[in-house]
Structure formats: C-alpha cells, structure tokens
C-alpha cells in the first residue's frame, strides 16, 4: 500500500484541503475555505514565517491532520509544513494578491 493510499484511509488525515490566510486582529491566521470535507471553523497550524511570506488572502492547497488536544479546541495541522505552496487552482486570485501586495 502506497503512502497516499494509507494516508487517505486514516480518519484524521485530509488530503487536498484549500486554506486561506486571513488577518484576525494583528495576526495572520489560516482557515479552510467553505464547502469542503473539513469544517471551516478550525484554524490551521503552520509556520508563522510561511504565513508572513505570502499576502493576506492567499489560498493554499495542503494535506492536513485533525488534532484533538485535551485542553483546547480541535485544529488542523499542515503536513509537510516547510513545503507549503500556493494552490494552482486559484492562480489568478493569488497572482492578483501578489501584484497588489503592500508591505505591512
């Protein structure tokens, strides 16, 4: 059984999830886009440096794992966090954001 087949059969692993960066207060956070198998109420954990590297509103396509900590709300953790890339399906959207990027 290959890596992706074994990952896709685990109930806590979600493949090809679209997430978007949002500015909430003074922080840049990631949340799933509506209309997917994953609820859009969970935040997505990944590197702060990676979040700041792209403009707010950028859409990424990632594989993630649902984490259920005992003392917090459930959240999603990006697998392969250092290799997070923009979603090609939203190329025009992401290109427009990058062209209009204003330094914060």
C-alpha atoms as a PDB file:
ATOM      1  CA  UNK A   1       0.000   0.000   0.000  1.00  0.00           C
ATOM      2  CA  UNK A   2       1.464   3.387  -1.027  1.00  0.00           C
ATOM      3  CA  UNK A   3       1.901   6.409   1.195  1.00  0.00           C
ATOM      4  CA  UNK A   4      -1.083   8.324  -0.179  1.00  0.00           C
ATOM      5  CA  UNK A   5      -3.388   5.320  -0.031  1.00  0.00           C
ATOM      6  CA  UNK A   6      -2.548   4.719   3.605  1.00  0.00           C
ATOM      7  CA  UNK A   7      -2.944   8.422   4.472  1.00  0.00           C
ATOM      8  CA  UNK A   8      -6.308   8.719   2.741  1.00  0.00           C
ATOM      9  CA  UNK A   9      -7.779   5.854   4.776  1.00  0.00           C
ATOM     10  CA  UNK A  10      -6.983   7.477   8.141  1.00  0.00           C
ATOM     11  CA  UNK A  11      -9.999   9.369   9.521  1.00  0.00           C
ATOM     12  CA  UNK A  12      -7.879  12.216  10.922  1.00  0.00           C
ATOM     13  CA  UNK A  13      -5.956  12.954   7.669  1.00  0.00           C
ATOM     14  CA  UNK A  14      -7.432  15.196   4.967  1.00  0.00           C
ATOM     15  CA  UNK A  15      -5.776  15.440   1.546  1.00  0.00           C
ATOM     16  CA  UNK A  16      -6.011  18.406  -0.843  1.00  0.00           C
ATOM     17  CA  UNK A  17      -7.621  20.921   1.512  1.00  0.00           C
ATOM     18  CA  UNK A  18      -7.855  24.541   0.356  1.00  0.00           C
ATOM     19  CA  UNK A  19      -6.959  27.017   3.085  1.00  0.00           C
ATOM     20  CA  UNK A  20      -6.817  30.812   3.017  1.00  0.00           C
ATOM     21  CA  UNK A  21      -4.793  33.266   5.046  1.00  0.00           C
ATOM     22  CA  UNK A  22      -6.837  35.839   6.957  1.00  0.00           C
ATOM     23  CA  UNK A  23      -5.893  38.757   9.172  1.00  0.00           C
ATOM     24  CA  UNK A  24      -7.627  38.342  12.529  1.00  0.00           C
ATOM     25  CA  UNK A  25      -6.696  41.136  14.893  1.00  0.00           C
ATOM     26  CA  UNK A  26      -2.989  41.661  14.436  1.00  0.00           C
ATOM     27  CA  UNK A  27      -2.262  38.019  13.477  1.00  0.00           C
ATOM     28  CA  UNK A  28      -2.276  36.235  10.153  1.00  0.00           C
ATOM     29  CA  UNK A  29      -4.241  33.003  10.575  1.00  0.00           C
ATOM     30  CA  UNK A  30      -5.196  30.160   8.230  1.00  0.00           C
ATOM     31  CA  UNK A  31      -8.673  28.658   7.880  1.00  0.00           C
ATOM     32  CA  UNK A  32     -10.181  26.162   5.421  1.00  0.00           C
ATOM     33  CA  UNK A  33     -12.389  27.541   2.651  1.00  0.00           C
ATOM     34  CA  UNK A  34     -16.097  26.668   2.956  1.00  0.00           C
ATOM     35  CA  UNK A  35     -17.626  23.733   1.093  1.00  0.00           C
ATOM     36  CA  UNK A  36     -15.030  21.052   1.830  1.00  0.00           C
ATOM     37  CA  UNK A  37     -14.992  17.887   3.929  1.00  0.00           C
ATOM     38  CA  UNK A  38     -13.163  19.877   6.614  1.00  0.00           C
ATOM     39  CA  UNK A  39     -15.082  22.345   8.748  1.00  0.00           C
ATOM     40  CA  UNK A  40     -14.141  25.984   8.235  1.00  0.00           C
ATOM     41  CA  UNK A  41     -14.392  26.728  11.962  1.00  0.00           C
ATOM     42  CA  UNK A  42     -10.996  25.179  12.734  1.00  0.00           C
ATOM     43  CA  UNK A  43      -7.769  27.121  12.498  1.00  0.00           C
ATOM     44  CA  UNK A  44      -4.835  25.616  10.634  1.00  0.00           C
ATOM     45  CA  UNK A  45      -1.400  25.458  12.255  1.00  0.00           C
ATOM     46  CA  UNK A  46       1.736  26.106  10.220  1.00  0.00           C
ATOM     47  CA  UNK A  47       4.914  28.152  10.357  1.00  0.00           C
ATOM     48  CA  UNK A  48       4.479  31.843  11.213  1.00  0.00           C
ATOM     49  CA  UNK A  49       7.298  32.665   8.781  1.00  0.00           C
ATOM     50  CA  UNK A  50       5.462  30.923   5.942  1.00  0.00           C
ATOM     51  CA  UNK A  51       2.218  32.734   6.752  1.00  0.00           C
ATOM     52  CA  UNK A  52       4.009  36.100   6.630  1.00  0.00           C
ATOM     53  CA  UNK A  53       5.786  35.229   3.374  1.00  0.00           C
ATOM     54  CA  UNK A  54       2.564  35.460   1.322  1.00  0.00           C
ATOM     55  CA  UNK A  55      -0.030  38.273   1.207  1.00  0.00           C
ATOM     56  CA  UNK A  56      -3.209  38.007   3.287  1.00  0.00           C
ATOM     57  CA  UNK A  57      -5.914  36.250   1.267  1.00  0.00           C
ATOM     58  CA  UNK A  58      -3.559  33.766  -0.412  1.00  0.00           C
ATOM     59  CA  UNK A  59      -5.087  30.335  -0.974  1.00  0.00           C
ATOM     60  CA  UNK A  60      -3.005  27.190  -0.417  1.00  0.00           C
ATOM     61  CA  UNK A  61      -3.657  23.524  -1.190  1.00  0.00           C
ATOM     62  CA  UNK A  62      -2.374  21.333   1.643  1.00  0.00           C
ATOM     63  CA  UNK A  63      -2.659  17.960   3.288  1.00  0.00           C
ATOM     64  CA  UNK A  64      -3.532  18.244   6.965  1.00  0.00           C
ATOM     65  CA  UNK A  65      -4.253  16.272  10.107  1.00  0.00           C
ATOM     66  CA  UNK A  66      -7.008  16.920  12.640  1.00  0.00           C
ATOM     67  CA  UNK A  67      -5.588  17.350  16.154  1.00  0.00           C
ATOM     68  CA  UNK A  68      -7.742  16.967  19.293  1.00  0.00           C
ATOM     69  CA  UNK A  69      -5.818  18.451  22.237  1.00  0.00           C
ATOM     70  CA  UNK A  70      -7.357  17.870  25.647  1.00  0.00           C
ATOM     71  CA  UNK A  71      -7.228  21.496  26.772  1.00  0.00           C
ATOM     72  CA  UNK A  72      -8.075  23.369  23.507  1.00  0.00           C
ATOM     73  CA  UNK A  73     -10.429  23.377  20.567  1.00  0.00           C
ATOM     74  CA  UNK A  74      -9.561  20.948  17.735  1.00  0.00           C
ATOM     75  CA  UNK A  75      -7.386  22.369  14.968  1.00  0.00           C
ATOM     76  CA  UNK A  76      -5.759  21.254  11.719  1.00  0.00           C
ATOM     77  CA  UNK A  77      -2.012  20.816  11.359  1.00  0.00           C
ATOM     78  CA  UNK A  78      -0.440  21.076   7.915  1.00  0.00           C
ATOM     79  CA  UNK A  79       1.574  18.014   6.920  1.00  0.00           C
ATOM     80  CA  UNK A  80       4.830  18.912   5.129  1.00  0.00           C
ATOM     81  CA  UNK A  81       4.752  22.395   6.690  1.00  0.00           C
ATOM     82  CA  UNK A  82       8.016  23.534   5.129  1.00  0.00           C
ATOM     83  CA  UNK A  83       6.794  22.721   1.620  1.00  0.00           C
ATOM     84  CA  UNK A  84       3.517  24.682   1.616  1.00  0.00           C
ATOM     85  CA  UNK A  85       2.719  26.144  -1.810  1.00  0.00           C
ATOM     86  CA  UNK A  86       0.001  28.311  -3.302  1.00  0.00           C
ATOM     87  CA  UNK A  87      -2.932  26.479  -4.944  1.00  0.00           C
ATOM     88  CA  UNK A  88      -2.603  26.386  -8.727  1.00  0.00           C
ATOM     89  CA  UNK A  89      -6.404  26.186  -8.986  1.00  0.00           C
ATOM     90  CA  UNK A  90      -6.506  29.755  -7.612  1.00  0.00           C
ATOM     91  CA  UNK A  91      -3.546  31.019  -9.673  1.00  0.00           C
ATOM     92  CA  UNK A  92      -5.257  34.223 -10.888  1.00  0.00           C
ATOM     93  CA  UNK A  93      -6.530  35.069  -7.389  1.00  0.00           C
ATOM     94  CA  UNK A  94      -3.102  34.561  -5.803  1.00  0.00           C
ATOM     95  CA  UNK A  95      -1.284  36.434  -8.610  1.00  0.00           C
ATOM     96  CA  UNK A  96      -3.572  39.449  -8.143  1.00  0.00           C
ATOM     97  CA  UNK A  97      -2.846  39.477  -4.405  1.00  0.00           C
ATOM     98  CA  UNK A  98       0.898  39.240  -5.002  1.00  0.00           C
ATOM     99  CA  UNK A  99       0.846  42.067  -7.579  1.00  0.00           C
ATOM    100  CA  UNK A 100      -1.112  44.313  -5.210  1.00  0.00           C
ATOM    101  CA  UNK A 101       0.884  43.348  -2.091  1.00  0.00           C
ATOM    102  CA  UNK A 102       1.573  46.192   0.300  1.00  0.00           C
ATOM    103  CA  UNK A 103       4.208  45.699   2.953  1.00  0.00           C
ATOM    104  CA  UNK A 104       2.810  45.679   6.478  1.00  0.00           C
END
